[in-house]
Amino acid sequence: MKRYSLKIKEIELQLHDGNYNRRVQYNEKDFDILVISFKEKADLIRKFAISANCLPNSDSIHLIFDPNTHKVSFSPQEINTSIINDVAKLLCSDKT
């Protein structure tokens, strides 16, 4: 089994009623994977992972949450094809 050393940056967002478009500021891309998390309900935390290689050269992206459908998307749109939704499985992949 191969082992990899990755630098992970995690950003926790707070969603407020009426404000479902949140800026995710990561500043410098001095990490390998960006993990974005937010609490959708009291008992539900959603996490998304994006490779730093897929992020734009700017210092931030936007998370867009639709409260009606519970769909999450990101801006710029190109990022949406690079999202890892099952972060727990990614981070615990060597457990049996």
N, C-alpha and C. Protein backbone atom coordinates (compact mmCIF):
# COMPACT_ATOMS: atom_id res chain seq x y z
N MET A 1 0.84 -1.17 0.00
CA MET A 1 0.00 0.00 0.00
C MET A 1 0.89 1.25 0.00
N LYS A 2 0.56 2.19 -0.85
CA LYS A 2 1.29 3.45 -0.90
C LYS A 2 0.70 4.42 0.12
N ARG A 3 1.56 5.23 0.69
CA ARG A 3 1.11 6.28 1.61
C ARG A 3 1.51 7.62 1.03
N TYR A 4 0.62 8.58 1.19
CA TYR A 4 0.86 9.92 0.67
C TYR A 4 0.77 10.91 1.82
N SER A 5 1.59 11.91 1.75
CA SER A 5 1.54 12.98 2.73
C SER A 5 0.91 14.20 2.07
N LEU A 6 -0.26 14.58 2.54
CA LEU A 6 -0.98 15.71 1.96
C LEU A 6 -1.21 16.77 3.02
N LYS A 7 -1.12 18.00 2.60
CA LYS A 7 -1.44 19.12 3.49
C LYS A 7 -2.89 19.51 3.22
N ILE A 8 -3.72 19.43 4.25
CA ILE A 8 -5.15 19.70 4.12
C ILE A 8 -5.49 20.98 4.88
N LYS A 9 -6.22 21.85 4.22
CA LYS A 9 -6.72 23.07 4.86
C LYS A 9 -8.23 22.94 4.97
N GLU A 10 -8.75 23.10 6.19
CA GLU A 10 -10.21 23.00 6.38
C GLU A 10 -10.77 24.36 6.76
N ILE A 11 -11.85 24.72 6.08
CA ILE A 11 -12.55 25.98 6.36
C ILE A 11 -13.99 25.63 6.73
N GLU A 12 -14.40 26.09 7.90
CA GLU A 12 -15.77 25.87 8.36
C GLU A 12 -16.58 27.14 8.12
N LEU A 13 -17.69 27.00 7.42
CA LEU A 13 -18.56 28.14 7.12
C LEU A 13 -19.79 28.12 8.00
N GLN A 14 -20.33 29.29 8.24
CA GLN A 14 -21.61 29.43 8.93
C GLN A 14 -22.61 29.95 7.91
N LEU A 15 -23.69 29.22 7.68
CA LEU A 15 -24.74 29.69 6.79
C LEU A 15 -25.82 30.36 7.63
N HIS A 16 -26.29 31.50 7.16
CA HIS A 16 -27.32 32.25 7.86
C HIS A 16 -28.55 32.32 6.97
N ASP A 17 -29.72 32.34 7.58
CA ASP A 17 -30.96 32.45 6.81
C ASP A 17 -30.89 33.65 5.87
N GLY A 18 -31.15 33.40 4.61
CA GLY A 18 -31.14 34.46 3.61
C GLY A 18 -29.79 34.72 2.99
N ASN A 19 -28.70 34.16 3.56
CA ASN A 19 -27.36 34.37 3.00
C ASN A 19 -26.77 33.00 2.68
N TYR A 20 -27.07 32.51 1.48
CA TYR A 20 -26.64 31.17 1.11
C TYR A 20 -25.54 31.17 0.06
N ASN A 21 -24.99 32.33 -0.24
CA ASN A 21 -23.86 32.45 -1.16
C ASN A 21 -22.69 32.94 -0.32
N ARG A 22 -21.76 32.03 -0.01
CA ARG A 22 -20.67 32.36 0.90
C ARG A 22 -19.33 32.34 0.20
N ARG A 23 -18.54 33.34 0.48
CA ARG A 23 -17.17 33.40 -0.04
C ARG A 23 -16.31 32.48 0.81
N VAL A 24 -15.51 31.67 0.15
CA VAL A 24 -14.58 30.76 0.82
C VAL A 24 -13.19 31.29 0.50
N GLN A 25 -12.58 31.95 1.48
CA GLN A 25 -11.28 32.57 1.25
C GLN A 25 -10.17 31.66 1.77
N TYR A 26 -9.31 31.22 0.87
CA TYR A 26 -8.22 30.32 1.25
C TYR A 26 -6.86 30.99 1.15
N ASN A 27 -6.81 32.23 0.66
CA ASN A 27 -5.58 33.01 0.53
C ASN A 27 -4.56 32.29 -0.35
N GLU A 28 -3.42 31.97 0.19
CA GLU A 28 -2.36 31.30 -0.57
C GLU A 28 -2.72 29.83 -0.77
N LYS A 29 -2.33 29.29 -1.90
CA LYS A 29 -2.55 27.85 -2.12
C LYS A 29 -1.34 27.07 -1.60
N ASP A 30 -1.19 27.07 -0.27
CA ASP A 30 -0.07 26.37 0.37
C ASP A 30 -0.54 25.04 0.97
N PHE A 31 -1.47 24.40 0.29
CA PHE A 31 -2.06 23.14 0.74
C PHE A 31 -2.33 22.28 -0.49
N ASP A 32 -2.61 21.01 -0.26
CA ASP A 32 -2.92 20.09 -1.36
C ASP A 32 -4.41 19.92 -1.56
N ILE A 33 -5.15 19.89 -0.46
CA ILE A 33 -6.60 19.69 -0.52
C ILE A 33 -7.28 20.72 0.37
N LEU A 34 -8.32 21.34 -0.17
CA LEU A 34 -9.14 22.27 0.59
C LEU A 34 -10.43 21.55 0.97
N VAL A 35 -10.73 21.50 2.27
CA VAL A 35 -11.97 20.89 2.76
C VAL A 35 -12.86 22.02 3.28
N ILE A 36 -14.07 22.08 2.74
CA ILE A 36 -15.04 23.11 3.13
C ILE A 36 -16.18 22.40 3.83
N SER A 37 -16.52 22.88 5.02
CA SER A 37 -17.63 22.26 5.76
C SER A 37 -18.60 23.32 6.24
N PHE A 38 -19.86 22.91 6.36
CA PHE A 38 -20.87 23.78 6.95
C PHE A 38 -21.96 22.92 7.56
N LYS A 39 -22.61 23.48 8.56
CA LYS A 39 -23.69 22.78 9.25
C LYS A 39 -25.00 23.14 8.56
N GLU A 40 -25.60 22.13 7.91
CA GLU A 40 -26.87 22.36 7.22
C GLU A 40 -28.03 22.30 8.21
N LYS A 41 -27.98 21.35 9.11
CA LYS A 41 -28.97 21.20 10.17
C LYS A 41 -28.20 20.95 11.46
N ALA A 42 -28.91 20.91 12.57
CA ALA A 42 -28.24 20.70 13.86
C ALA A 42 -27.42 19.41 13.88
N ASP A 43 -27.90 18.40 13.18
CA ASP A 43 -27.23 17.10 13.21
C ASP A 43 -26.60 16.70 11.88
N LEU A 44 -26.46 17.65 10.96
CA LEU A 44 -25.92 17.32 9.64
C LEU A 44 -24.83 18.32 9.25
N ILE A 45 -23.60 17.83 9.18
CA ILE A 45 -22.48 18.64 8.71
C ILE A 45 -22.07 18.10 7.36
N ARG A 46 -22.01 18.98 6.38
CA ARG A 46 -21.63 18.58 5.02
C ARG A 46 -20.20 19.04 4.76
N LYS A 47 -19.42 18.17 4.13
CA LYS A 47 -18.02 18.48 3.81
C LYS A 47 -17.75 18.19 2.35
N PHE A 48 -16.93 19.04 1.76
CA PHE A 48 -16.54 18.91 0.36
C PHE A 48 -15.04 19.13 0.28
N ALA A 49 -14.38 18.36 -0.56
CA ALA A 49 -12.93 18.49 -0.74
C ALA A 49 -12.63 18.84 -2.19
N ILE A 50 -11.65 19.73 -2.36
CA ILE A 50 -11.24 20.16 -3.69
C ILE A 50 -9.71 20.17 -3.71
N SER A 51 -9.14 19.61 -4.75
CA SER A 51 -7.70 19.65 -4.92
C SER A 51 -7.26 21.09 -5.17
N ALA A 52 -6.15 21.48 -4.59
CA ALA A 52 -5.63 22.84 -4.81
C ALA A 52 -5.34 23.08 -6.29
N ASN A 53 -5.01 22.03 -7.02
CA ASN A 53 -4.74 22.17 -8.46
C ASN A 53 -5.98 22.59 -9.24
N CYS A 54 -7.16 22.33 -8.70
CA CYS A 54 -8.42 22.67 -9.38
C CYS A 54 -8.93 24.05 -9.02
N LEU A 55 -8.31 24.69 -8.04
CA LEU A 55 -8.77 26.01 -7.61
C LEU A 55 -8.21 27.10 -8.51
N PRO A 56 -8.94 28.20 -8.67
CA PRO A 56 -8.43 29.30 -9.48
C PRO A 56 -7.25 29.99 -8.79
N ASN A 57 -6.52 30.79 -9.54
CA ASN A 57 -5.36 31.48 -9.00
C ASN A 57 -5.73 32.66 -8.10
N SER A 58 -7.00 32.92 -7.94
CA SER A 58 -7.43 33.98 -7.01
C SER A 58 -7.31 33.45 -5.58
N ASP A 59 -7.74 34.24 -4.61
CA ASP A 59 -7.62 33.83 -3.21
C ASP A 59 -8.90 33.25 -2.63
N SER A 60 -9.94 33.06 -3.48
CA SER A 60 -11.20 32.58 -2.94
C SER A 60 -12.10 32.00 -4.02
N ILE A 61 -13.10 31.26 -3.57
CA ILE A 61 -14.18 30.76 -4.42
C ILE A 61 -15.48 31.05 -3.68
N HIS A 62 -16.61 30.73 -4.29
CA HIS A 62 -17.90 30.92 -3.64
C HIS A 62 -18.66 29.60 -3.54
N LEU A 63 -19.23 29.35 -2.37
CA LEU A 63 -20.12 28.22 -2.16
C LEU A 63 -21.54 28.76 -2.29
N ILE A 64 -22.36 28.08 -3.08
CA ILE A 64 -23.74 28.49 -3.29
C ILE A 64 -24.64 27.35 -2.83
N PHE A 65 -25.47 27.62 -1.84
CA PHE A 65 -26.36 26.61 -1.26
C PHE A 65 -27.80 26.98 -1.59
N ASP A 66 -28.53 26.03 -2.14
CA ASP A 66 -29.95 26.23 -2.43
C ASP A 66 -30.75 25.58 -1.30
N PRO A 67 -31.39 26.38 -0.43
CA PRO A 67 -32.10 25.81 0.71
C PRO A 67 -33.34 25.00 0.33
N ASN A 68 -33.85 25.20 -0.87
CA ASN A 68 -35.03 24.44 -1.31
C ASN A 68 -34.67 23.03 -1.75
N THR A 69 -33.59 22.90 -2.50
CA THR A 69 -33.18 21.58 -3.01
C THR A 69 -32.02 20.98 -2.21
N HIS A 70 -31.39 21.79 -1.36
CA HIS A 70 -30.22 21.40 -0.57
C HIS A 70 -29.01 21.12 -1.46
N LYS A 71 -29.03 21.61 -2.69
CA LYS A 71 -27.93 21.43 -3.62
C LYS A 71 -26.83 22.45 -3.33
N VAL A 72 -25.60 21.98 -3.40
CA VAL A 72 -24.44 22.85 -3.21
C VAL A 72 -23.67 22.91 -4.52
N SER A 73 -23.31 24.12 -4.92
CA SER A 73 -22.46 24.29 -6.09
C SER A 73 -21.42 25.34 -5.75
N PHE A 74 -20.43 25.44 -6.61
CA PHE A 74 -19.34 26.38 -6.38
C PHE A 74 -19.15 27.27 -7.59
N SER A 75 -18.58 28.42 -7.35
CA SER A 75 -18.24 29.35 -8.41
C SER A 75 -16.77 29.70 -8.24
N PRO A 76 -15.97 29.61 -9.29
CA PRO A 76 -16.33 29.38 -10.68
C PRO A 76 -16.82 27.95 -10.93
N GLN A 77 -17.66 27.82 -11.95
CA GLN A 77 -18.36 26.57 -12.25
C GLN A 77 -17.44 25.39 -12.55
N GLU A 78 -16.25 25.64 -13.06
CA GLU A 78 -15.33 24.55 -13.42
C GLU A 78 -14.99 23.69 -12.20
N ILE A 79 -15.07 24.26 -11.02
CA ILE A 79 -14.72 23.52 -9.80
C ILE A 79 -15.71 22.40 -9.53
N ASN A 80 -16.95 22.56 -9.94
CA ASN A 80 -18.00 21.60 -9.61
C ASN A 80 -17.71 20.19 -10.09
N THR A 81 -16.91 20.03 -11.11
CA THR A 81 -16.58 18.68 -11.60
C THR A 81 -15.43 18.05 -10.81
N SER A 82 -14.80 18.81 -9.92
CA SER A 82 -13.64 18.33 -9.18
C SER A 82 -13.90 18.11 -7.70
N ILE A 83 -15.15 18.14 -7.30
CA ILE A 83 -15.51 18.04 -5.89
C ILE A 83 -15.52 16.59 -5.43
N ILE A 84 -14.98 16.36 -4.26
CA ILE A 84 -15.07 15.05 -3.61
C ILE A 84 -16.11 15.21 -2.51
N ASN A 85 -17.25 14.54 -2.64
CA ASN A 85 -18.34 14.69 -1.68
C ASN A 85 -18.17 13.83 -0.43
N ASP A 86 -17.56 12.67 -0.57
CA ASP A 86 -17.44 11.75 0.56
C ASP A 86 -16.08 11.95 1.23
N VAL A 87 -15.94 13.06 1.95
CA VAL A 87 -14.65 13.41 2.55
C VAL A 87 -14.26 12.42 3.63
N ALA A 88 -15.22 11.95 4.41
CA ALA A 88 -14.90 10.99 5.47
C ALA A 88 -14.26 9.74 4.89
N LYS A 89 -14.77 9.27 3.77
CA LYS A 89 -14.21 8.09 3.12
C LYS A 89 -12.80 8.39 2.60
N LEU A 90 -12.60 9.59 2.07
CA LEU A 90 -11.28 9.98 1.56
C LEU A 90 -10.26 10.01 2.69
N LEU A 91 -10.61 10.63 3.81
CA LEU A 91 -9.66 10.80 4.91
C LEU A 91 -9.45 9.53 5.71
N CYS A 92 -10.37 8.58 5.63
CA CYS A 92 -10.26 7.33 6.39
C CYS A 92 -10.14 6.14 5.46
N SER A 93 -9.54 6.34 4.31
CA SER A 93 -9.55 5.31 3.27
C SER A 93 -8.76 4.06 3.64
N ASP A 94 -7.82 4.13 4.59
CA ASP A 94 -7.05 2.93 4.90
C ASP A 94 -7.63 2.15 6.08
N LYS A 95 -8.80 2.55 6.60
CA LYS A 95 -9.46 1.79 7.67
C LYS A 95 -10.26 0.66 7.06
N THR A 96 -10.35 -0.44 7.76
CA THR A 96 -11.15 -1.56 7.27
C THR A 96 -12.37 -1.77 8.12
